[in-house]
Amino acid sequence: MYKISQLGEKLGLSRTTLLYYEKLGLIKGKRLDNGYRLYSDKDLQRLRLIQKLQAGGLTLKECQACLEEKIEREMLLKRLHQLDQEIAEKQKSRELLAALVGEAPMTEWHENLDDVAPDAHVEWLKNQGFDDKQIQRLRWLSKDMNQHDQYMDDFMRVFEPLSRWGPGSDEDTARAASLLPASHLELLEIGCGKGLSTEWLAKHLTCHVIAVDNEPSALAALTTRAIERGFNDTITTVCANMASLPFQGQSFDAIWAEGCAYLMGFERALAAWRPLLKSEGVLVISDAVWSTKQPDAMVQEFWQREYPQMVSAEQRVAEAKFAGYDVVDTFALSEQAWDNYYHPLAKRVAELRESLTDSSVLNDLEHEILVSKARKGQVDYQMFILKPRSV
């Protein structure tokens, strides 16, 4: 026989809990003349059985039902389903905490947060110590704040010797440039990269080009080539964030932005850059677009993950008109433009595969190159030549 204190000690239960169990009839104590209660080994074992049932997720009421009558299978199945759901939620919680401390990838978490709460995502990343440039690259490239530094080191190792950092060709540049004003131009190029288009514009147009990018190494390479080729008087480089450009309104006859507007959002770019144009200015801007309503599964999965805001060229035209632009012309970049980018990139990735065996960058780029081979007829880079509508 056990006193209530002894019973509680064996079970890890308080006196109040045991008295409550006795009130429910789960145990039956024997009161002595001196007022003490004694409990039998049967009570002890009964409570241990209840504890085992509770460990399976049953409520106290359900435990009592299991003790006093035949187990109701449907009730247990229902509780099992609820428990599975709770475990799944707990697993998600664990995966998030593991990712936050760097024990698991954060890609899916960053992508999801960027989709449902992009502004809060940016603010949170700032609080973690990332600057605007790092945040931009983290959202579009590394997608994992714990692996970001290593990812960007590998990324720059891949791209630093490459001339092109996106699809393009001299022929497509010339076609778009033919629609710019013919007189001397003050031209702003946003997202110039290493400056292949910059050089072409400086060479073939009567213009002064202010080339903007947020990657110092790319601007340094452009400056060096401009000096070597005699364009240093017509090309000025500026390291700046495209979302907060340090220029006065109505400063430019033309703005050139190839393959970069997605970084801040196409519609946002249209609104942010329009005030920088003179009254007769022209905006040349390109963006990846869907060229079919039914893309292959692999192509769709890749682009929905990499650029979930991607729409058709027709939708971009509608957005441009809504933003106050007239569409002078629009056309898809040539296949040569894609080859000019992906062929050297594939060669570079192959060169580095042995030395960067476990690199996430190479894995991502190899998949992107595979998707690029299947994209024809499904995805295009579309050039838009836009002119602000007179108010």
Protein backbone atom coordinates (compact mmCIF):
# COMPACT_ATOMS: atom_id res chain seq x y z
CA MET A 1 0.00 0.00 0.00
CA TYR A 2 1.14 3.54 -0.76
CA LYS A 3 0.46 6.89 0.81
CA ILE A 4 -0.57 9.55 -1.69
CA SER A 5 2.87 11.16 -1.45
CA GLN A 6 4.57 7.83 -2.18
CA LEU A 7 2.26 7.14 -5.10
CA GLY A 8 2.91 10.58 -6.51
CA GLU A 9 6.67 10.13 -6.19
CA LYS A 10 6.60 6.85 -8.11
CA LEU A 11 4.50 8.31 -10.92
CA GLY A 12 5.84 11.84 -11.04
CA LEU A 13 2.38 13.24 -10.30
CA SER A 14 1.28 15.90 -7.83
CA ARG A 15 -1.09 15.33 -4.93
CA THR A 16 -3.64 17.57 -6.63
CA THR A 17 -3.53 15.47 -9.80
CA LEU A 18 -3.96 12.21 -7.89
CA LEU A 19 -6.95 13.59 -5.98
CA TYR A 20 -8.46 14.67 -9.30
CA TYR A 21 -7.92 11.16 -10.71
CA GLU A 22 -9.62 9.73 -7.64
CA LYS A 23 -12.55 12.09 -8.11
CA LEU A 24 -12.92 10.76 -11.67
CA GLY A 25 -12.90 7.21 -10.34
CA LEU A 26 -9.64 6.20 -11.99
CA ILE A 27 -8.19 5.10 -8.63
CA LYS A 28 -9.81 4.25 -5.32
CA GLY A 29 -7.97 5.18 -2.16
CA LYS A 30 -8.73 3.67 1.23
CA ARG A 31 -9.14 6.29 3.95
CA LEU A 32 -7.71 5.32 7.34
CA ASP A 33 -9.02 6.41 10.70
CA ASN A 34 -6.27 9.00 10.96
CA GLY A 35 -7.43 10.61 7.68
CA TYR A 36 -4.59 9.35 5.49
CA ARG A 37 -5.32 7.69 2.16
CA LEU A 38 -3.68 4.47 1.08
CA TYR A 39 -3.51 3.19 -2.48
CA SER A 40 -2.92 -0.32 -3.72
CA ASP A 41 -0.49 -1.71 -6.28
CA LYS A 42 -3.52 -2.05 -8.54
CA ASP A 43 -3.96 1.73 -8.42
CA LEU A 44 -0.28 2.20 -9.23
CA GLN A 45 -0.40 -0.09 -12.23
CA ARG A 46 -3.67 1.42 -13.44
CA LEU A 47 -2.11 4.89 -13.43
CA ARG A 48 1.00 3.61 -15.21
CA LEU A 49 -1.25 2.18 -17.91
CA ILE A 50 -3.01 5.55 -18.22
CA GLN A 51 0.37 7.28 -18.58
CA LYS A 52 1.31 4.91 -21.40
CA LEU A 53 -1.98 5.62 -23.18
CA GLN A 54 -1.51 9.35 -22.72
CA ALA A 55 1.92 9.02 -24.28
CA GLY A 56 0.09 7.83 -27.40
CA GLY A 57 -1.77 11.10 -27.55
CA LEU A 58 -5.03 10.09 -25.88
CA THR A 59 -6.90 12.48 -23.64
CA LEU A 60 -7.62 11.52 -20.06
CA LYS A 61 -11.26 10.91 -20.96
CA GLU A 62 -10.24 8.65 -23.84
CA CYS A 63 -7.83 6.78 -21.53
CA GLN A 64 -10.66 6.17 -19.08
CA ALA A 65 -12.84 4.83 -21.88
CA CYS A 66 -10.07 2.46 -22.94
CA LEU A 67 -9.80 1.14 -19.35
CA GLU A 68 -13.48 0.60 -18.75
CA GLU A 69 -14.61 -0.88 -22.09
CA LYS A 70 -13.35 -2.31 -25.36
CA ILE A 71 -11.07 0.05 -27.27
CA GLU A 72 -12.94 2.03 -29.94
CA ARG A 73 -10.85 1.60 -33.10
CA GLU A 74 -12.32 4.62 -34.91
CA MET A 75 -11.42 6.86 -32.00
CA LEU A 76 -7.84 5.61 -32.07
CA LEU A 77 -7.58 6.07 -35.84
CA LYS A 78 -8.84 9.65 -35.49
CA ARG A 79 -6.29 10.34 -32.76
CA LEU A 80 -3.56 8.73 -34.89
CA HIS A 81 -4.40 11.05 -37.80
CA GLN A 82 -4.31 14.09 -35.53
CA LEU A 83 -0.99 12.98 -34.12
CA ASP A 84 0.46 12.56 -37.62
CA GLN A 85 -0.59 16.13 -38.42
CA GLU A 86 0.99 17.43 -35.23
CA ILE A 87 4.22 15.54 -35.99
CA ALA A 88 4.30 16.97 -39.51
CA GLU A 89 3.92 20.50 -38.12
CA LYS A 90 6.60 19.87 -35.51
CA GLN A 91 8.90 18.53 -38.23
CA LYS A 92 8.39 21.72 -40.23
CA SER A 93 9.22 23.72 -37.11
CA ARG A 94 12.36 21.68 -36.58
CA GLU A 95 13.43 22.08 -40.22
CA LEU A 96 13.03 25.85 -39.94
CA LEU A 97 15.07 26.05 -36.74
CA ALA A 98 17.73 23.78 -38.26
CA ALA A 99 17.88 26.05 -41.30
CA LEU A 100 18.13 29.20 -39.21
CA VAL A 101 21.16 27.83 -37.36
CA GLY A 102 22.78 26.64 -40.59
CA GLU A 103 22.18 22.89 -40.27
CA ALA A 104 19.87 22.66 -43.30
CA PRO A 105 19.25 24.63 -46.53
CA MET A 106 17.06 27.74 -46.34
CA THR A 107 16.24 27.97 -50.05
CA GLU A 108 12.58 27.00 -49.79
CA TRP A 109 12.05 29.22 -46.75
CA HIS A 110 13.56 32.29 -48.43
CA GLU A 111 11.59 31.66 -51.65
CA ASN A 112 8.32 31.25 -49.76
CA LEU A 113 8.85 34.36 -47.63
CA ASP A 114 9.86 36.37 -50.70
CA ASP A 115 6.57 35.33 -52.32
CA VAL A 116 4.17 36.00 -49.43
CA ALA A 117 5.94 38.88 -47.62
CA PRO A 118 8.70 40.37 -49.79
CA ASP A 119 9.02 43.68 -47.96
CA ALA A 120 9.12 42.00 -44.54
CA HIS A 121 11.69 39.57 -45.95
CA VAL A 122 13.96 42.43 -46.99
CA GLU A 123 13.59 44.19 -43.64
CA TRP A 124 14.35 40.97 -41.78
CA LEU A 125 17.48 40.35 -43.87
CA LYS A 126 18.65 43.89 -43.08
CA ASN A 127 18.23 43.12 -39.39
CA GLN A 128 20.44 40.06 -39.89
CA GLY A 129 23.23 42.35 -41.12
CA PHE A 130 22.87 42.15 -44.92
CA ASP A 131 23.19 45.31 -47.02
CA ASP A 132 21.07 46.11 -50.09
CA LYS A 133 23.49 44.51 -52.53
CA GLN A 134 23.79 41.32 -50.47
CA ILE A 135 20.01 41.13 -50.06
CA GLN A 136 19.46 41.45 -53.79
CA ARG A 137 21.93 38.67 -54.51
CA LEU A 138 20.65 36.48 -51.71
CA ARG A 139 17.06 36.70 -52.98
CA TRP A 140 17.96 35.92 -56.59
CA LEU A 141 21.12 33.83 -56.38
CA SER A 142 22.19 32.10 -53.17
CA LYS A 143 18.75 31.93 -51.51
CA ASP A 144 20.36 30.81 -48.27
CA MET A 145 21.71 33.39 -45.85
CA ASN A 146 23.91 30.83 -44.06
CA GLN A 147 25.65 29.77 -47.29
CA HIS A 148 25.57 33.15 -49.02
CA ASP A 149 29.26 34.09 -48.76
CA GLN A 150 30.51 30.76 -50.10
CA TYR A 151 27.86 30.76 -52.82
CA MET A 152 28.85 34.22 -54.03
CA ASP A 153 32.56 33.33 -53.93
CA ASP A 154 31.88 30.38 -56.23
CA PHE A 155 29.50 32.44 -58.36
CA MET A 156 32.08 35.15 -59.00
CA ARG A 157 34.72 32.52 -59.71
CA VAL A 158 32.47 31.19 -62.48
CA PHE A 159 31.45 34.52 -63.98
CA GLU A 160 34.47 36.76 -63.51
CA PRO A 161 36.28 35.66 -66.72
CA LEU A 162 33.06 35.58 -68.79
CA SER A 163 32.25 38.55 -71.01
CA ARG A 164 28.48 38.14 -70.91
CA TRP A 165 26.46 37.75 -67.74
CA GLY A 166 23.17 37.30 -69.60
CA PRO A 167 21.74 36.64 -73.09
CA GLY A 168 22.53 39.30 -75.71
CA SER A 169 24.05 40.04 -79.10
CA ASP A 170 25.36 43.00 -81.06
CA GLU A 171 22.61 42.49 -83.63
CA ASP A 172 19.85 42.75 -81.02
CA THR A 173 21.54 45.76 -79.45
CA ALA A 174 21.75 47.44 -82.88
CA ARG A 175 18.08 46.74 -83.60
CA ALA A 176 16.95 48.36 -80.37
CA ALA A 177 19.45 51.23 -80.65
CA SER A 178 18.13 52.11 -84.13
CA LEU A 179 14.97 53.35 -82.40
CA LEU A 180 16.75 55.82 -80.12
CA PRO A 181 16.84 59.56 -80.87
CA ALA A 182 19.50 60.36 -83.47
CA SER A 183 20.99 63.44 -81.80
CA HIS A 184 23.69 63.50 -79.13
CA LEU A 185 22.48 61.39 -76.26
CA GLU A 186 22.94 61.44 -72.54
CA LEU A 187 22.36 57.72 -72.00
CA LEU A 188 21.97 55.85 -68.72
CA GLU A 189 22.68 52.12 -68.78
CA ILE A 190 21.36 50.24 -65.76
CA GLY A 191 22.80 46.85 -64.85
CA CYS A 192 25.67 47.18 -67.32
CA GLY A 193 27.65 44.18 -66.03
CA LYS A 194 30.98 44.02 -67.84
CA GLY A 195 29.72 46.47 -70.41
CA LEU A 196 29.45 44.71 -73.79
CA SER A 197 26.36 46.75 -74.65
CA THR A 198 28.03 49.81 -73.12
CA GLU A 199 30.94 49.55 -75.54
CA TRP A 200 28.66 49.00 -78.50
CA LEU A 201 26.56 52.05 -77.63
CA ALA A 202 29.63 54.23 -77.09
CA LYS A 203 31.13 53.08 -80.37
CA HIS A 204 28.09 53.36 -82.64
CA LEU A 205 26.12 56.25 -81.17
CA THR A 206 26.90 59.87 -80.53
CA CYS A 207 26.42 59.66 -76.83
CA HIS A 208 27.80 59.83 -73.33
CA VAL A 209 27.01 56.63 -71.41
CA ILE A 210 26.70 56.51 -67.65
CA ALA A 211 27.04 52.80 -66.90
CA VAL A 212 25.56 51.66 -63.56
CA ASP A 213 26.06 48.36 -61.76
CA ASN A 214 26.43 47.27 -58.14
CA GLU A 215 29.37 44.93 -58.81
CA PRO A 216 32.68 46.83 -58.49
CA SER A 217 34.74 44.16 -60.27
CA ALA A 218 32.52 44.38 -63.36
CA LEU A 219 32.77 48.16 -63.44
CA ALA A 220 36.56 47.96 -63.00
CA ALA A 221 36.78 45.61 -66.00
CA LEU A 222 34.61 47.98 -68.05
CA THR A 223 36.72 51.01 -67.08
CA THR A 224 39.92 49.22 -68.06
CA ARG A 225 38.56 48.25 -71.47
CA ALA A 226 37.13 51.74 -72.05
CA ILE A 227 40.58 53.26 -71.47
CA GLU A 228 42.29 50.67 -73.68
CA ARG A 229 39.82 51.28 -76.53
CA GLY A 230 39.63 55.04 -76.25
CA PHE A 231 36.13 55.32 -74.78
CA ASN A 232 37.12 56.72 -71.41
CA ASP A 233 35.71 60.16 -72.33
CA THR A 234 32.35 58.74 -73.40
CA ILE A 235 31.81 56.11 -70.67
CA THR A 236 31.41 56.94 -66.98
CA THR A 237 30.88 54.13 -64.48
CA VAL A 238 28.79 54.48 -61.32
CA CYS A 239 28.43 51.84 -58.60
CA ALA A 240 24.86 52.14 -57.35
CA ASN A 241 21.68 50.27 -56.52
CA MET A 242 19.24 50.37 -59.43
CA ALA A 243 16.36 50.88 -57.01
CA SER A 244 17.85 54.14 -55.66
CA LEU A 245 19.76 55.80 -58.49
CA PRO A 246 21.64 59.02 -57.61
CA PHE A 247 20.45 61.13 -60.56
CA GLN A 248 18.22 64.16 -61.04
CA GLY A 249 14.88 63.88 -62.82
CA GLN A 250 14.70 64.36 -66.60
CA SER A 251 18.46 63.86 -66.95
CA PHE A 252 18.59 61.32 -69.77
CA ASP A 253 17.60 61.04 -73.40
CA ALA A 254 17.60 57.26 -73.11
CA ILE A 255 17.76 54.55 -70.48
CA TRP A 256 19.13 51.14 -71.42
CA ALA A 257 18.32 48.20 -69.10
CA GLU A 258 18.97 44.71 -70.45
CA GLY A 259 18.09 41.70 -68.33
CA CYS A 260 18.08 43.45 -64.97
CA ALA A 261 14.59 44.83 -64.29
CA TYR A 262 13.47 41.53 -62.70
CA LEU A 263 15.76 42.28 -59.75
CA MET A 264 13.42 45.04 -58.56
CA GLY A 265 10.29 43.99 -60.47
CA PHE A 266 9.35 45.02 -64.00
CA GLU A 267 6.44 47.29 -63.06
CA ARG A 268 8.39 48.90 -60.24
CA ALA A 269 11.29 49.56 -62.62
CA LEU A 270 8.97 51.23 -65.13
CA ALA A 271 7.66 53.55 -62.43
CA ALA A 272 11.04 54.28 -60.80
CA TRP A 273 12.97 55.04 -63.99
CA ARG A 274 10.39 57.07 -65.91
CA PRO A 275 11.07 60.34 -63.99
CA LEU A 276 14.74 60.17 -65.08
CA LEU A 277 13.81 60.48 -68.78
CA LYS A 278 13.49 63.73 -70.66
CA SER A 279 10.16 64.48 -72.30
CA GLU A 280 11.16 62.80 -75.58
CA GLY A 281 13.28 60.14 -73.92
CA VAL A 282 13.23 56.41 -74.65
CA LEU A 283 13.45 53.43 -72.31
CA VAL A 284 14.95 50.21 -73.68
CA ILE A 285 14.24 47.36 -71.28
CA SER A 286 14.28 43.57 -71.60
CA ASP A 287 12.73 40.81 -69.54
CA ALA A 288 12.23 37.06 -69.60
CA VAL A 289 8.71 36.19 -70.75
CA TRP A 290 6.57 33.13 -71.36
CA SER A 291 6.05 32.44 -75.06
CA THR A 292 3.58 29.59 -74.47
CA LYS A 293 0.69 28.97 -72.13
CA GLN A 294 1.67 25.32 -71.66
CA PRO A 295 5.41 25.01 -70.96
CA ASP A 296 7.06 21.67 -70.29
CA ALA A 297 7.11 20.64 -66.64
CA MET A 298 10.88 21.05 -66.25
CA VAL A 299 10.88 24.51 -67.84
CA GLN A 300 7.87 25.64 -65.85
CA GLU A 301 9.25 24.37 -62.55
CA PHE A 302 12.59 26.13 -63.08
CA TRP A 303 11.21 29.52 -64.07
CA GLN A 304 8.43 29.54 -61.49
CA ARG A 305 11.11 29.05 -58.86
CA GLU A 306 13.66 31.46 -60.32
CA TYR A 307 11.30 34.15 -61.56
CA PRO A 308 7.75 33.62 -60.23
CA GLN A 309 6.69 37.09 -61.51
CA MET A 310 7.38 36.14 -65.13
CA VAL A 311 4.45 36.73 -67.51
CA SER A 312 3.89 36.89 -71.27
CA ALA A 313 5.20 39.66 -73.54
CA GLU A 314 1.59 40.78 -74.06
CA GLN A 315 1.17 41.22 -70.31
CA ARG A 316 4.37 43.27 -70.12
CA VAL A 317 3.12 45.50 -72.95
CA ALA A 318 -0.13 46.05 -71.04
CA GLU A 319 1.83 46.93 -67.91
CA ALA A 320 3.97 49.40 -69.82
CA LYS A 321 0.90 51.15 -71.24
CA PHE A 322 -0.70 51.26 -67.81
CA ALA A 323 2.52 52.83 -66.43
CA GLY A 324 2.22 55.66 -68.97
CA TYR A 325 4.41 54.46 -71.84
CA ASP A 326 3.77 54.08 -75.54
CA VAL A 327 5.32 50.95 -77.05
CA VAL A 328 7.59 51.94 -79.93
CA ASP A 329 8.57 48.34 -80.67
CA THR A 330 9.07 44.97 -79.02
CA PHE A 331 10.88 41.84 -80.17
CA ALA A 332 12.33 38.60 -78.83
CA LEU A 333 16.10 38.30 -78.61
CA SER A 334 17.63 36.01 -81.23
CA GLU A 335 18.79 32.46 -80.58
CA GLN A 336 22.30 33.77 -81.09
CA ALA A 337 21.80 35.98 -78.04
CA TRP A 338 21.10 32.89 -75.92
CA ASP A 339 24.04 30.98 -77.42
CA ASN A 340 26.39 33.92 -76.74
CA TYR A 341 25.63 33.51 -73.05
CA TYR A 342 25.09 29.80 -72.47
CA HIS A 343 27.84 28.29 -74.62
CA PRO A 344 30.71 30.07 -72.79
CA LEU A 345 28.93 29.50 -69.47
CA ALA A 346 28.64 25.74 -70.07
CA LYS A 347 32.31 25.57 -70.99
CA ARG A 348 33.29 27.48 -67.85
CA VAL A 349 31.16 25.25 -65.61
CA ALA A 350 32.78 22.16 -67.10
CA GLU A 351 36.24 23.62 -66.45
CA LEU A 352 35.46 24.15 -62.78
CA ARG A 353 33.58 20.93 -62.08
CA GLU A 354 36.63 19.05 -60.79
CA SER A 355 37.82 21.83 -58.48
CA LEU A 356 34.33 22.78 -57.24
CA THR A 357 32.97 19.27 -56.78
CA ASP A 358 30.24 20.04 -54.22
CA SER A 359 29.49 23.60 -55.29
CA SER A 360 25.82 24.58 -55.16
CA VAL A 361 26.56 27.20 -57.81
CA LEU A 362 27.73 24.61 -60.34
CA ASN A 363 24.75 22.39 -59.55
CA ASP A 364 22.37 25.31 -60.09
CA LEU A 365 24.09 26.42 -63.30
CA GLU A 366 24.18 22.92 -64.75
CA HIS A 367 20.44 22.66 -64.21
CA GLU A 368 19.88 26.11 -65.72
CA ILE A 369 21.93 25.19 -68.79
CA LEU A 370 19.88 21.99 -69.18
CA VAL A 371 16.65 24.00 -68.97
CA SER A 372 17.97 26.56 -71.46
CA LYS A 373 18.35 23.81 -74.06
CA ALA A 374 14.66 22.96 -73.68
CA ARG A 375 13.31 26.54 -73.50
CA LYS A 376 12.95 27.27 -77.23
CA GLY A 377 9.35 28.12 -78.04
CA GLN A 378 8.52 28.37 -74.35
CA VAL A 379 10.61 31.20 -72.89
CA ASP A 380 12.06 34.28 -74.57
CA TYR A 381 13.97 37.38 -73.59
CA GLN A 382 11.81 40.20 -74.90
CA MET A 383 13.13 43.66 -75.71
CA PHE A 384 10.73 46.57 -75.17
CA ILE A 385 11.37 50.05 -76.58
CA LEU A 386 9.13 52.43 -74.67
CA LYS A 387 8.47 56.14 -74.77
CA PRO A 388 6.80 58.04 -71.91
CA ARG A 389 3.37 59.21 -72.95
CA SER A 390 2.88 62.97 -72.91
CA VAL A 391 0.76 64.16 -70.03
